Amino acid sequence: NPIRTSVDGTVTFDIMVNPGTNAISTVKLELLYDPTKFGEVTGTPVLTPNPATFPQVTEGPTLTPGRAIIGLSIGSDPTRAITAITKVGTLTLKVTSAISATSTISFGTNSSATSITTTGTTA
């Protein structure tokens, strides 16, 4: 469903992982957005990890206009592996200019999830 807000409004998106039959231990998120339409919210992180599921930040967050990257891990306890659809974190952006139709926020090619199961694969 589309999210509607005004210029200078804030939009927030939950980032979810669906492990299927795998047991996810790490994720790397590369989120891409139109830097002419979205920017940072003053005093609020663009990417906020969910510490209940991914307590360790292994990379970043790195922010450049139109791109945010963060690496997250469950830590050294394999019993914490993600085996069900789970919230990885939250993306928060400020709408900086009018959007005439739609604007897409997408995963970049550097996004991945690593499984600790022997049948799993890195996606």
PDB file of N, CA and C in Angstrom:
ATOM      1  N   ASN A   1       0.829  -1.182   0.000  1.00  0.00           N
ATOM      2  CA  ASN A   1       0.000   0.000   0.000  1.00  0.00           C
ATOM      3  C   ASN A   1       0.872   1.244   0.000  1.00  0.00           C
ATOM      4  N   PRO A   2       0.482   2.254  -0.754  1.00  0.00           N
ATOM      5  CA  PRO A   2       1.276   3.476  -0.774  1.00  0.00           C
ATOM      6  C   PRO A   2       1.237   4.190   0.577  1.00  0.00           C
ATOM      7  N   ILE A   3       2.325   4.857   0.870  1.00  0.00           N
ATOM      8  CA  ILE A   3       2.410   5.686   2.063  1.00  0.00           C
ATOM      9  C   ILE A   3       2.314   7.122   1.602  1.00  0.00           C
ATOM     10  N   ARG A   4       1.485   7.893   2.252  1.00  0.00           N
ATOM     11  CA  ARG A   4       1.301   9.287   1.862  1.00  0.00           C
ATOM     12  C   ARG A   4       1.742  10.197   3.003  1.00  0.00           C
ATOM     13  N   THR A   5       2.517  11.215   2.642  1.00  0.00           N
ATOM     14  CA  THR A   5       2.927  12.229   3.604  1.00  0.00           C
ATOM     15  C   THR A   5       3.236  13.496   2.826  1.00  0.00           C
ATOM     16  N   SER A   6       3.445  14.566   3.522  1.00  0.00           N
ATOM     17  CA  SER A   6       3.751  15.836   2.871  1.00  0.00           C
ATOM     18  C   SER A   6       5.260  16.068   2.851  1.00  0.00           C
ATOM     19  N   VAL A   7       5.672  17.068   2.078  1.00  0.00           N
ATOM     20  CA  VAL A   7       7.077  17.478   2.076  1.00  0.00           C
ATOM     21  C   VAL A   7       7.449  17.861   3.502  1.00  0.00           C
ATOM     22  N   ASP A   8       8.612  17.452   3.929  1.00  0.00           N
ATOM     23  CA  ASP A   8       9.133  17.600   5.285  1.00  0.00           C
ATOM     24  C   ASP A   8       8.542  16.577   6.253  1.00  0.00           C
ATOM     25  N   GLY A   9       7.658  15.720   5.756  1.00  0.00           N
ATOM     26  CA  GLY A   9       7.131  14.638   6.584  1.00  0.00           C
ATOM     27  C   GLY A   9       8.130  13.496   6.665  1.00  0.00           C
ATOM     28  N   THR A  10       7.904  12.602   7.595  1.00  0.00           N
ATOM     29  CA  THR A  10       8.779  11.456   7.809  1.00  0.00           C
ATOM     30  C   THR A  10       8.060  10.182   7.364  1.00  0.00           C
ATOM     31  N   VAL A  11       8.805   9.309   6.684  1.00  0.00           N
ATOM     32  CA  VAL A  11       8.282   7.995   6.319  1.00  0.00           C
ATOM     33  C   VAL A  11       9.156   6.935   6.981  1.00  0.00           C
ATOM     34  N   THR A  12       8.517   5.885   7.478  1.00  0.00           N
ATOM     35  CA  THR A  12       9.216   4.818   8.189  1.00  0.00           C
ATOM     36  C   THR A  12       8.801   3.481   7.591  1.00  0.00           C
ATOM     37  N   PHE A  13       9.787   2.628   7.349  1.00  0.00           N
ATOM     38  CA  PHE A  13       9.548   1.314   6.775  1.00  0.00           C
ATOM     39  C   PHE A  13      10.224   0.253   7.623  1.00  0.00           C
ATOM     40  N   ASP A  14       9.490  -0.801   7.964  1.00  0.00           N
ATOM     41  CA  ASP A  14      10.101  -1.954   8.617  1.00  0.00           C
ATOM     42  C   ASP A  14      10.769  -2.800   7.541  1.00  0.00           C
ATOM     43  N   ILE A  15      11.976  -3.256   7.808  1.00  0.00           N
ATOM     44  CA  ILE A  15      12.727  -4.118   6.892  1.00  0.00           C
ATOM     45  C   ILE A  15      12.644  -5.524   7.460  1.00  0.00           C
ATOM     46  N   MET A  16      12.125  -6.436   6.651  1.00  0.00           N
ATOM     47  CA  MET A  16      11.879  -7.801   7.107  1.00  0.00           C
ATOM     48  C   MET A  16      12.773  -8.778   6.347  1.00  0.00           C
ATOM     49  N   VAL A  17      13.068  -9.913   6.981  1.00  0.00           N
ATOM     50  CA  VAL A  17      13.778 -11.001   6.322  1.00  0.00           C
ATOM     51  C   VAL A  17      12.900 -12.247   6.409  1.00  0.00           C
ATOM     52  N   ASN A  18      12.813 -12.964   5.294  1.00  0.00           N
ATOM     53  CA  ASN A  18      12.072 -14.215   5.241  1.00  0.00           C
ATOM     54  C   ASN A  18      13.084 -15.321   4.950  1.00  0.00           C
ATOM     55  N   PRO A  19      13.462 -16.110   5.960  1.00  0.00           N
ATOM     56  CA  PRO A  19      14.522 -17.096   5.770  1.00  0.00           C
ATOM     57  C   PRO A  19      14.093 -18.344   5.011  1.00  0.00           C
ATOM     58  N   GLY A  20      12.801 -18.521   4.760  1.00  0.00           N
ATOM     59  CA  GLY A  20      12.359 -19.763   4.116  1.00  0.00           C
ATOM     60  C   GLY A  20      12.751 -20.945   4.977  1.00  0.00           C
ATOM     61  N   THR A  21      13.501 -21.883   4.419  1.00  0.00           N
ATOM     62  CA  THR A  21      13.941 -23.064   5.180  1.00  0.00           C
ATOM     63  C   THR A  21      15.339 -22.888   5.771  1.00  0.00           C
ATOM     64  N   ASN A  22      15.880 -21.696   5.690  1.00  0.00           N
ATOM     65  CA  ASN A  22      17.238 -21.419   6.179  1.00  0.00           C
ATOM     66  C   ASN A  22      17.214 -20.896   7.608  1.00  0.00           C
ATOM     67  N   ALA A  23      18.388 -20.773   8.200  1.00  0.00           N
ATOM     68  CA  ALA A  23      18.581 -20.182   9.524  1.00  0.00           C
ATOM     69  C   ALA A  23      19.567 -19.028   9.345  1.00  0.00           C
ATOM     70  N   ILE A  24      19.046 -17.815   9.274  1.00  0.00           N
ATOM     71  CA  ILE A  24      19.851 -16.633   8.946  1.00  0.00           C
ATOM     72  C   ILE A  24      20.674 -16.191  10.148  1.00  0.00           C
ATOM     73  N   SER A  25      21.978 -15.976   9.904  1.00  0.00           N
ATOM     74  CA  SER A  25      22.864 -15.511  10.973  1.00  0.00           C
ATOM     75  C   SER A  25      23.373 -14.092  10.735  1.00  0.00           C
ATOM     76  N   THR A  26      23.483 -13.678   9.486  1.00  0.00           N
ATOM     77  CA  THR A  26      23.928 -12.320   9.176  1.00  0.00           C
ATOM     78  C   THR A  26      23.123 -11.771   8.004  1.00  0.00           C
ATOM     79  N   VAL A  27      22.982 -10.463   7.986  1.00  0.00           N
ATOM     80  CA  VAL A  27      22.394  -9.782   6.837  1.00  0.00           C
ATOM     81  C   VAL A  27      23.219  -8.554   6.521  1.00  0.00           C
ATOM     82  N   LYS A  28      23.262  -8.230   5.262  1.00  0.00           N
ATOM     83  CA  LYS A  28      23.843  -6.968   4.814  1.00  0.00           C
ATOM     84  C   LYS A  28      22.757  -6.296   3.987  1.00  0.00           C
ATOM     85  N   LEU A  29      22.397  -5.094   4.379  1.00  0.00           N
ATOM     86  CA  LEU A  29      21.371  -4.346   3.678  1.00  0.00           C
ATOM     87  C   LEU A  29      21.990  -3.194   2.913  1.00  0.00           C
ATOM     88  N   GLU A  30      21.655  -3.102   1.661  1.00  0.00           N
ATOM     89  CA  GLU A  30      21.960  -1.924   0.862  1.00  0.00           C
ATOM     90  C   GLU A  30      20.607  -1.412   0.387  1.00  0.00           C
ATOM     91  N   LEU A  31      20.195  -0.282   0.911  1.00  0.00           N
ATOM     92  CA  LEU A  31      18.907   0.292   0.552  1.00  0.00           C
ATOM     93  C   LEU A  31      19.131   1.515  -0.318  1.00  0.00           C
ATOM     94  N   LEU A  32      18.421   1.563  -1.433  1.00  0.00           N
ATOM     95  CA  LEU A  32      18.563   2.631  -2.416  1.00  0.00           C
ATOM     96  C   LEU A  32      17.279   3.449  -2.474  1.00  0.00           C
ATOM     97  N   TYR A  33      17.446   4.760  -2.557  1.00  0.00           N
ATOM     98  CA  TYR A  33      16.288   5.652  -2.649  1.00  0.00           C
ATOM     99  C   TYR A  33      16.688   6.887  -3.451  1.00  0.00           C
ATOM    100  N   ASP A  34      15.701   7.619  -3.919  1.00  0.00           N
ATOM    101  CA  ASP A  34      15.942   8.810  -4.734  1.00  0.00           C
ATOM    102  C   ASP A  34      16.396   9.957  -3.833  1.00  0.00           C
ATOM    103  N   PRO A  35      17.674  10.385  -3.926  1.00  0.00           N
ATOM    104  CA  PRO A  35      18.169  11.437  -3.041  1.00  0.00           C
ATOM    105  C   PRO A  35      17.576  12.817  -3.345  1.00  0.00           C
ATOM    106  N   THR A  36      16.905  12.966  -4.484  1.00  0.00           N
ATOM    107  CA  THR A  36      16.234  14.237  -4.773  1.00  0.00           C
ATOM    108  C   THR A  36      14.862  14.300  -4.109  1.00  0.00           C
ATOM    109  N   LYS A  37      14.388  13.168  -3.578  1.00  0.00           N
ATOM    110  CA  LYS A  37      13.071  13.105  -2.938  1.00  0.00           C
ATOM    111  C   LYS A  37      13.141  12.816  -1.448  1.00  0.00           C
ATOM    112  N   PHE A  38      14.213  12.134  -1.013  1.00  0.00           N
ATOM    113  CA  PHE A  38      14.333  11.720   0.381  1.00  0.00           C
ATOM    114  C   PHE A  38      15.687  12.126   0.955  1.00  0.00           C
ATOM    115  N   GLY A  39      15.704  12.360   2.272  1.00  0.00           N
ATOM    116  CA  GLY A  39      16.942  12.671   2.972  1.00  0.00           C
ATOM    117  C   GLY A  39      16.854  12.208   4.413  1.00  0.00           C
ATOM    118  N   GLU A  40      17.865  12.583   5.188  1.00  0.00           N
ATOM    119  CA  GLU A  40      17.914  12.180   6.592  1.00  0.00           C
ATOM    120  C   GLU A  40      16.990  13.041   7.445  1.00  0.00           C
ATOM    121  N   VAL A  41      16.442  12.429   8.483  1.00  0.00           N
ATOM    122  CA  VAL A  41      15.660  13.136   9.479  1.00  0.00           C
ATOM    123  C   VAL A  41      16.636  13.587  10.555  1.00  0.00           C
ATOM    124  N   THR A  42      16.684  14.862  10.855  1.00  0.00           N
ATOM    125  CA  THR A  42      17.613  15.387  11.850  1.00  0.00           C
ATOM    126  C   THR A  42      17.419  14.676  13.190  1.00  0.00           C
ATOM    127  N   GLY A  43      18.508  14.136  13.732  1.00  0.00           N
ATOM    128  CA  GLY A  43      18.485  13.483  15.036  1.00  0.00           C
ATOM    129  C   GLY A  43      17.965  12.058  15.036  1.00  0.00           C
ATOM    130  N   THR A  44      17.655  11.506  13.852  1.00  0.00           N
ATOM    131  CA  THR A  44      17.135  10.143  13.764  1.00  0.00           C
ATOM    132  C   THR A  44      18.010   9.336  12.817  1.00  0.00           C
ATOM    133  N   PRO A  45      18.461   8.145  13.218  1.00  0.00           N
ATOM    134  CA  PRO A  45      19.255   7.320  12.302  1.00  0.00           C
ATOM    135  C   PRO A  45      18.414   6.907  11.087  1.00  0.00           C
ATOM    136  N   VAL A  46      19.031   6.889   9.917  1.00  0.00           N
ATOM    137  CA  VAL A  46      18.344   6.422   8.718  1.00  0.00           C
ATOM    138  C   VAL A  46      18.029   4.936   8.861  1.00  0.00           C
ATOM    139  N   LEU A  47      19.001   4.172   9.328  1.00  0.00           N
ATOM    140  CA  LEU A  47      18.818   2.730   9.537  1.00  0.00           C
ATOM    141  C   LEU A  47      18.959   2.421  11.018  1.00  0.00           C
ATOM    142  N   THR A  48      17.921   1.829  11.590  1.00  0.00           N
ATOM    143  CA  THR A  48      17.948   1.443  12.994  1.00  0.00           C
ATOM    144  C   THR A  48      17.779  -0.067  13.069  1.00  0.00           C
ATOM    145  N   PRO A  49      18.808  -0.817  13.483  1.00  0.00           N
ATOM    146  CA  PRO A  49      18.677  -2.268  13.580  1.00  0.00           C
ATOM    147  C   PRO A  49      17.722  -2.673  14.698  1.00  0.00           C
ATOM    148  N   ASN A  50      17.164  -3.870  14.574  1.00  0.00           N
ATOM    149  CA  ASN A  50      16.344  -4.455  15.624  1.00  0.00           C
ATOM    150  C   ASN A  50      17.280  -5.238  16.543  1.00  0.00           C
ATOM    151  N   PRO A  51      17.637  -4.692  17.708  1.00  0.00           N
ATOM    152  CA  PRO A  51      18.628  -5.359  18.570  1.00  0.00           C
ATOM    153  C   PRO A  51      18.142  -6.677  19.151  1.00  0.00           C
ATOM    154  N   ALA A  52      16.852  -6.914  19.156  1.00  0.00           N
ATOM    155  CA  ALA A  52      16.338  -8.180  19.680  1.00  0.00           C
ATOM    156  C   ALA A  52      16.682  -9.345  18.760  1.00  0.00           C
ATOM    157  N   THR A  53      16.831  -9.069  17.459  1.00  0.00           N
ATOM    158  CA  THR A  53      17.127 -10.145  16.519  1.00  0.00           C
ATOM    159  C   THR A  53      18.546 -10.085  15.974  1.00  0.00           C
ATOM    160  N   PHE A  54      19.060  -8.897  15.778  1.00  0.00           N
ATOM    161  CA  PHE A  54      20.426  -8.717  15.265  1.00  0.00           C
ATOM    162  C   PHE A  54      21.175  -7.759  16.198  1.00  0.00           C
ATOM    163  N   PRO A  55      21.717  -8.280  17.302  1.00  0.00           N
ATOM    164  CA  PRO A  55      22.332  -7.408  18.305  1.00  0.00           C
ATOM    165  C   PRO A  55      23.695  -6.838  17.913  1.00  0.00           C
ATOM    166  N   GLN A  56      24.347  -7.388  16.894  1.00  0.00           N
ATOM    167  CA  GLN A  56      25.679  -6.907  16.531  1.00  0.00           C
ATOM    168  C   GLN A  56      25.670  -6.211  15.169  1.00  0.00           C
ATOM    169  N   VAL A  57      26.195  -4.995  15.146  1.00  0.00           N
ATOM    170  CA  VAL A  57      26.397  -4.283  13.883  1.00  0.00           C
ATOM    171  C   VAL A  57      27.800  -4.637  13.408  1.00  0.00           C
ATOM    172  N   THR A  58      27.898  -5.226  12.220  1.00  0.00           N
ATOM    173  CA  THR A  58      29.193  -5.664  11.697  1.00  0.00           C
ATOM    174  C   THR A  58      29.756  -4.724  10.643  1.00  0.00           C
ATOM    175  N   GLU A  59      28.914  -3.832  10.135  1.00  0.00           N
ATOM    176  CA  GLU A  59      29.351  -2.877   9.114  1.00  0.00           C
ATOM    177  C   GLU A  59      28.437  -1.662   9.146  1.00  0.00           C
ATOM    178  N   GLY A  60      29.066  -0.489   9.082  1.00  0.00           N
ATOM    179  CA  GLY A  60      28.301   0.751   8.969  1.00  0.00           C
ATOM    180  C   GLY A  60      27.593   1.140  10.253  1.00  0.00           C
ATOM    181  N   PRO A  61      26.500   1.844  10.116  1.00  0.00           N
ATOM    182  CA  PRO A  61      25.867   2.184   8.847  1.00  0.00           C
ATOM    183  C   PRO A  61      26.664   3.223   8.065  1.00  0.00           C
ATOM    184  N   THR A  62      26.643   3.046   6.759  1.00  0.00           N
ATOM    185  CA  THR A  62      27.286   3.966   5.837  1.00  0.00           C
ATOM    186  C   THR A  62      26.191   4.655   5.037  1.00  0.00           C
ATOM    187  N   LEU A  63      26.211   5.967   5.048  1.00  0.00           N
ATOM    188  CA  LEU A  63      25.179   6.734   4.357  1.00  0.00           C
ATOM    189  C   LEU A  63      25.798   7.643   3.315  1.00  0.00           C
ATOM    190  N   THR A  64      25.281   7.572   2.114  1.00  0.00           N
ATOM    191  CA  THR A  64      25.611   8.513   1.056  1.00  0.00           C
ATOM    192  C   THR A  64      24.274   8.921   0.448  1.00  0.00           C
ATOM    193  N   PRO A  65      24.208  10.043  -0.239  1.00  0.00           N
ATOM    194  CA  PRO A  65      22.915  10.426  -0.807  1.00  0.00           C
ATOM    195  C   PRO A  65      22.327   9.308  -1.672  1.00  0.00           C
ATOM    196  N   GLY A  66      21.139   8.861  -1.309  1.00  0.00           N
ATOM    197  CA  GLY A  66      20.451   7.835  -2.068  1.00  0.00           C
ATOM    198  C   GLY A  66      20.811   6.403  -1.719  1.00  0.00           C
ATOM    199  N   ARG A  67      21.653   6.209  -0.701  1.00  0.00           N
ATOM    200  CA  ARG A  67      22.124   4.856  -0.402  1.00  0.00           C
ATOM    201  C   ARG A  67      22.468   4.730   1.081  1.00  0.00           C
ATOM    202  N   ALA A  68      21.997   3.636   1.686  1.00  0.00           N
ATOM    203  CA  ALA A  68      22.321   3.332   3.081  1.00  0.00           C
ATOM    204  C   ALA A  68      22.719   1.867   3.161  1.00  0.00           C
ATOM    205  N   ILE A  69      23.827   1.583   3.853  1.00  0.00           N
ATOM    206  CA  ILE A  69      24.326   0.210   3.991  1.00  0.00           C
ATOM    207  C   ILE A  69      24.556  -0.080   5.467  1.00  0.00           C
ATOM    208  N   ILE A  70      24.170  -1.291   5.886  1.00  0.00           N
ATOM    209  CA  ILE A  70      24.455  -1.747   7.246  1.00  0.00           C
ATOM    210  C   ILE A  70      24.596  -3.266   7.223  1.00  0.00           C
ATOM    211  N   GLY A  71      25.521  -3.778   8.019  1.00  0.00           N
ATOM    212  CA  GLY A  71      25.693  -5.221   8.197  1.00  0.00           C
ATOM    213  C   GLY A  71      25.324  -5.584   9.618  1.00  0.00           C
ATOM    214  N   LEU A  72      24.583  -6.679   9.790  1.00  0.00           N
ATOM    215  CA  LEU A  72      24.106  -7.087  11.106  1.00  0.00           C
ATOM    216  C   LEU A  72      24.325  -8.576  11.325  1.00  0.00           C
ATOM    217  N   SER A  73      24.466  -8.962  12.585  1.00  0.00           N
ATOM    218  CA  SER A  73      24.717 -10.362  12.930  1.00  0.00           C
ATOM    219  C   SER A  73      23.925 -10.750  14.174  1.00  0.00           C
ATOM    220  N   ILE A  74      23.623 -12.058  14.263  1.00  0.00           N
ATOM    221  CA  ILE A  74      22.983 -12.592  15.472  1.00  0.00           C
ATOM    222  C   ILE A  74      23.986 -12.770  16.591  1.00  0.00           C
ATOM    223  N   GLY A  75      25.277 -12.687  16.287  1.00  0.00           N
ATOM    224  CA  GLY A  75      26.318 -12.922  17.277  1.00  0.00           C
ATOM    225  C   GLY A  75      26.806 -14.356  17.210  1.00  0.00           C
ATOM    226  N   SER A  76      27.435 -14.827  18.261  1.00  0.00           N
ATOM    227  CA  SER A  76      28.073 -16.149  18.244  1.00  0.00           C
ATOM    228  C   SER A  76      27.162 -17.291  18.690  1.00  0.00           C
ATOM    229  N   ASP A  77      25.942 -16.987  19.107  1.00  0.00           N
ATOM    230  CA  ASP A  77      25.026 -18.020  19.592  1.00  0.00           C
ATOM    231  C   ASP A  77      24.142 -18.524  18.446  1.00  0.00           C
ATOM    232  N   PRO A  78      24.403 -19.733  17.914  1.00  0.00           N
ATOM    233  CA  PRO A  78      23.633 -20.231  16.768  1.00  0.00           C
ATOM    234  C   PRO A  78      22.154 -20.467  17.078  1.00  0.00           C
ATOM    235  N   THR A  79      21.780 -20.540  18.356  1.00  0.00           N
ATOM    236  CA  THR A  79      20.369 -20.729  18.688  1.00  0.00           C
ATOM    237  C   THR A  79      19.558 -19.458  18.418  1.00  0.00           C
ATOM    238  N   ARG A  80      20.227 -18.352  18.179  1.00  0.00           N
ATOM    239  CA  ARG A  80      19.544 -17.086  17.863  1.00  0.00           C
ATOM    240  C   ARG A  80      19.263 -16.933  16.371  1.00  0.00           C
ATOM    241  N   ALA A  81      19.653 -17.910  15.559  1.00  0.00           N
ATOM    242  CA  ALA A  81      19.462 -17.823  14.111  1.00  0.00           C
ATOM    243  C   ALA A  81      17.994 -17.556  13.776  1.00  0.00           C
ATOM    244  N   ILE A  82      17.786 -16.780  12.750  1.00  0.00           N
ATOM    245  CA  ILE A  82      16.445 -16.363  12.335  1.00  0.00           C
ATOM    246  C   ILE A  82      15.837 -17.450  11.449  1.00  0.00           C
ATOM    247  N   THR A  83      14.723 -18.037  11.895  1.00  0.00           N
ATOM    248  CA  THR A  83      14.086 -19.126  11.156  1.00  0.00           C
ATOM    249  C   THR A  83      12.644 -18.804  10.759  1.00  0.00           C
ATOM    250  N   ALA A  84      12.173 -17.611  11.071  1.00  0.00           N
ATOM    251  CA  ALA A  84      10.819 -17.176  10.702  1.00  0.00           C
ATOM    252  C   ALA A  84      10.908 -15.734  10.191  1.00  0.00           C
ATOM    253  N   ILE A  85       9.878 -15.283   9.528  1.00  0.00           N
ATOM    254  CA  ILE A  85       9.858 -13.895   9.056  1.00  0.00           C
ATOM    255  C   ILE A  85      10.056 -12.983  10.255  1.00  0.00           C
ATOM    256  N   THR A  86      11.071 -12.121  10.158  1.00  0.00           N
ATOM    257  CA  THR A  86      11.510 -11.323  11.299  1.00  0.00           C
ATOM    258  C   THR A  86      11.885  -9.915  10.859  1.00  0.00           C
ATOM    259  N   LYS A  87      11.642  -8.953  11.733  1.00  0.00           N
ATOM    260  CA  LYS A  87      12.038  -7.563  11.484  1.00  0.00           C
ATOM    261  C   LYS A  87      13.543  -7.418  11.688  1.00  0.00           C
ATOM    262  N   VAL A  88      14.233  -6.960  10.651  1.00  0.00           N
ATOM    263  CA  VAL A  88      15.672  -6.713  10.710  1.00  0.00           C
ATOM    264  C   VAL A  88      15.940  -5.341  11.315  1.00  0.00           C
ATOM    265  N   GLY A  89      15.139  -4.376  10.927  1.00  0.00           N
ATOM    266  CA  GLY A  89      15.326  -3.021  11.404  1.00  0.00           C
ATOM    267  C   GLY A  89      14.326  -2.085  10.760  1.00  0.00           C
ATOM    268  N   THR A  90      14.615  -0.787  10.863  1.00  0.00           N
ATOM    269  CA  THR A  90      13.704   0.239  10.375  1.00  0.00           C
ATOM    270  C   THR A  90      14.476   1.252   9.542  1.00  0.00           C
ATOM    271  N   LEU A  91      13.889   1.651   8.432  1.00  0.00           N
ATOM    272  CA  LEU A  91      14.413   2.722   7.584  1.00  0.00           C
ATOM    273  C   LEU A  91      13.543   3.947   7.809  1.00  0.00           C
ATOM    274  N   THR A  92      14.160   5.076   8.146  1.00  0.00           N
ATOM    275  CA  THR A  92      13.430   6.316   8.382  1.00  0.00           C
ATOM    276  C   THR A  92      14.012   7.400   7.483  1.00  0.00           C
ATOM    277  N   LEU A  93      13.151   8.012   6.679  1.00  0.00           N
ATOM    278  CA  LEU A  93      13.581   9.056   5.757  1.00  0.00           C
ATOM    279  C   LEU A  93      12.657  10.261   5.851  1.00  0.00           C
ATOM    280  N   LYS A  94      13.192  11.413   5.483  1.00  0.00           N
ATOM    281  CA  LYS A  94      12.418  12.647   5.395  1.00  0.00           C
ATOM    282  C   LYS A  94      12.099  12.889   3.928  1.00  0.00           C
ATOM    283  N   VAL A  95      10.852  13.231   3.636  1.00  0.00           N
ATOM    284  CA  VAL A  95      10.467  13.600   2.280  1.00  0.00           C
ATOM    285  C   VAL A  95      10.932  15.034   2.064  1.00  0.00           C
ATOM    286  N   THR A  96      11.852  15.224   1.105  1.00  0.00           N
ATOM    287  CA  THR A  96      12.453  16.538   0.912  1.00  0.00           C
ATOM    288  C   THR A  96      11.883  17.321  -0.260  1.00  0.00           C
ATOM    289  N   SER A  97      11.174  16.636  -1.174  1.00  0.00           N
ATOM    290  CA  SER A  97      10.521  17.355  -2.262  1.00  0.00           C
ATOM    291  C   SER A  97       9.318  16.562  -2.727  1.00  0.00           C
ATOM    292  N   ALA A  98       8.426  17.234  -3.418  1.00  0.00           N
ATOM    293  CA  ALA A  98       7.176  16.612  -3.844  1.00  0.00           C
ATOM    294  C   ALA A  98       7.446  15.435  -4.782  1.00  0.00           C
ATOM    295  N   ILE A  99       6.660  14.407  -4.623  1.00  0.00           N
ATOM    296  CA  ILE A  99       6.738  13.225  -5.478  1.00  0.00           C
ATOM    297  C   ILE A  99       5.462  13.214  -6.304  1.00  0.00           C
ATOM    298  N   SER A 100       5.604  13.347  -7.625  1.00  0.00           N
ATOM    299  CA  SER A 100       4.428  13.492  -8.484  1.00  0.00           C
ATOM    300  C   SER A 100       3.681  12.182  -8.702  1.00  0.00           C
ATOM    301  N   ALA A 101       4.354  11.079  -8.665  1.00  0.00           N
ATOM    302  CA  ALA A 101       3.693   9.785  -8.868  1.00  0.00           C
ATOM    303  C   ALA A 101       4.106   8.872  -7.726  1.00  0.00           C
ATOM    304  N   THR A 102       5.078   8.021  -7.964  1.00  0.00           N
ATOM    305  CA  THR A 102       5.600   7.159  -6.910  1.00  0.00           C
ATOM    306  C   THR A 102       7.114   7.250  -6.904  1.00  0.00           C
ATOM    307  N   SER A 103       7.684   6.899  -5.802  1.00  0.00           N
ATOM    308  CA  SER A 103       9.133   6.824  -5.690  1.00  0.00           C
ATOM    309  C   SER A 103       9.463   5.502  -5.016  1.00  0.00           C
ATOM    310  N   THR A 104      10.443   4.807  -5.542  1.00  0.00           N
ATOM    311  CA  THR A 104      10.770   3.465  -5.076  1.00  0.00           C
ATOM    312  C   THR A 104      11.953   3.478  -4.118  1.00  0.00           C
ATOM    313  N   ILE A 105      11.830   2.674  -3.079  1.00  0.00           N
ATOM    314  CA  ILE A 105      12.939   2.372  -2.188  1.00  0.00           C
ATOM    315  C   ILE A 105      13.207   0.887  -2.394  1.00  0.00           C
ATOM    316  N   SER A 106      14.449   0.542  -2.726  1.00  0.00           N
ATOM    317  CA  SER A 106      14.725  -0.841  -3.111  1.00  0.00           C
ATOM    318  C   SER A 106      16.000  -1.365  -2.453  1.00  0.00           C
ATOM    319  N   PHE A 107      16.182  -2.691  -2.544  1.00  0.00           N
ATOM    320  CA  PHE A 107      17.402  -3.334  -2.080  1.00  0.00           C
ATOM    321  C   PHE A 107      18.426  -3.278  -3.206  1.00  0.00           C
ATOM    322  N   GLY A 108      19.657  -2.898  -2.894  1.00  0.00           N
ATOM    323  CA  GLY A 108      20.739  -2.893  -3.870  1.00  0.00           C
ATOM    324  C   GLY A 108      21.342  -4.271  -4.023  1.00  0.00           C
ATOM    325  N   THR A 109      22.212  -4.404  -5.008  1.00  0.00           N
ATOM    326  CA  THR A 109      22.827  -5.701  -5.310  1.00  0.00           C
ATOM    327  C   THR A 109      23.795  -6.169  -4.229  1.00  0.00           C
ATOM    328  N   ASN A 110      24.192  -5.284  -3.322  1.00  0.00           N
ATOM    329  CA  ASN A 110      25.081  -5.677  -2.225  1.00  0.00           C
ATOM    330  C   ASN A 110      24.325  -6.241  -1.028  1.00  0.00           C
ATOM    331  N   SER A 111      22.997  -6.338  -1.118  1.00  0.00           N
ATOM    332  CA  SER A 111      22.211  -6.918  -0.026  1.00  0.00           C
ATOM    333  C   SER A 111      22.382  -8.429  -0.025  1.00  0.00           C
ATOM    334  N   SER A 112      22.470  -9.016   1.177  1.00  0.00           N
ATOM    335  CA  SER A 112      22.617 -10.471   1.267  1.00  0.00           C
ATOM    336  C   SER A 112      22.176 -10.944   2.642  1.00  0.00           C
ATOM    337  N   ALA A 113      21.918 -12.246   2.721  1.00  0.00           N
ATOM    338  CA  ALA A 113      21.635 -12.923   3.985  1.00  0.00           C
ATOM    339  C   ALA A 113      22.439 -14.215   3.978  1.00  0.00           C
ATOM    340  N   THR A 114      23.047 -14.549   5.112  1.00  0.00           N
ATOM    341  CA  THR A 114      23.849 -15.761   5.224  1.00  0.00           C
ATOM    342  C   THR A 114      23.173 -16.718   6.182  1.00  0.00           C
ATOM    343  N   SER A 115      23.103 -17.980   5.757  1.00  0.00           N
ATOM    344  CA  SER A 115      22.471 -19.020   6.562  1.00  0.00           C
ATOM    345  C   SER A 115      23.545 -19.860   7.251  1.00  0.00           C
ATOM    346  N   ILE A 116      23.221 -20.343   8.467  1.00  0.00           N
ATOM    347  CA  ILE A 116      24.154 -21.226   9.174  1.00  0.00           C
ATOM    348  C   ILE A 116      23.812 -22.685   8.954  1.00  0.00           C
ATOM    349  N   THR A 117      22.748 -22.972   8.203  1.00  0.00           N
ATOM    350  CA  THR A 117      22.390 -24.366   7.927  1.00  0.00           C
ATOM    351  C   THR A 117      23.219 -24.897   6.764  1.00  0.00           C
ATOM    352  N   THR A 118      23.414 -26.181   6.728  1.00  0.00           N
ATOM    353  CA  THR A 118      24.237 -26.770   5.666  1.00  0.00           C
ATOM    354  C   THR A 118      23.514 -26.781   4.331  1.00  0.00           C
ATOM    355  N   THR A 119      22.171 -26.718   4.350  1.00  0.00           N
ATOM    356  CA  THR A 119      21.432 -26.704   3.086  1.00  0.00           C
ATOM    357  C   THR A 119      21.148 -25.305   2.607  1.00  0.00           C
ATOM    358  N   GLY A 120      21.452 -24.304   3.427  1.00  0.00           N
ATOM    359  CA  GLY A 120      21.166 -22.915   3.068  1.00  0.00           C
ATOM    360  C   GLY A 120      22.198 -22.358   2.115  1.00  0.00           C
ATOM    361  N   THR A 121      21.849 -21.299   1.486  1.00  0.00           N
ATOM    362  CA  THR A 121      22.747 -20.611   0.584  1.00  0.00           C
ATOM    363  C   THR A 121      22.729 -19.127   0.897  1.00  0.00           C
ATOM    364  N   THR A 122      23.758 -18.447   0.481  1.00  0.00           N
ATOM    365  CA  THR A 122      23.787 -16.999   0.617  1.00  0.00           C
ATOM    366  C   THR A 122      22.955 -16.413  -0.504  1.00  0.00           C
ATOM    367  N   ALA A 123      22.042 -15.536  -0.132  1.00  0.00           N
ATOM    368  CA  ALA A 123      21.154 -14.934  -1.140  1.00  0.00           C
ATOM    369  C   ALA A 123      21.445 -13.471  -1.288  1.00  0.00           C
TER     370      ALA A 123
END
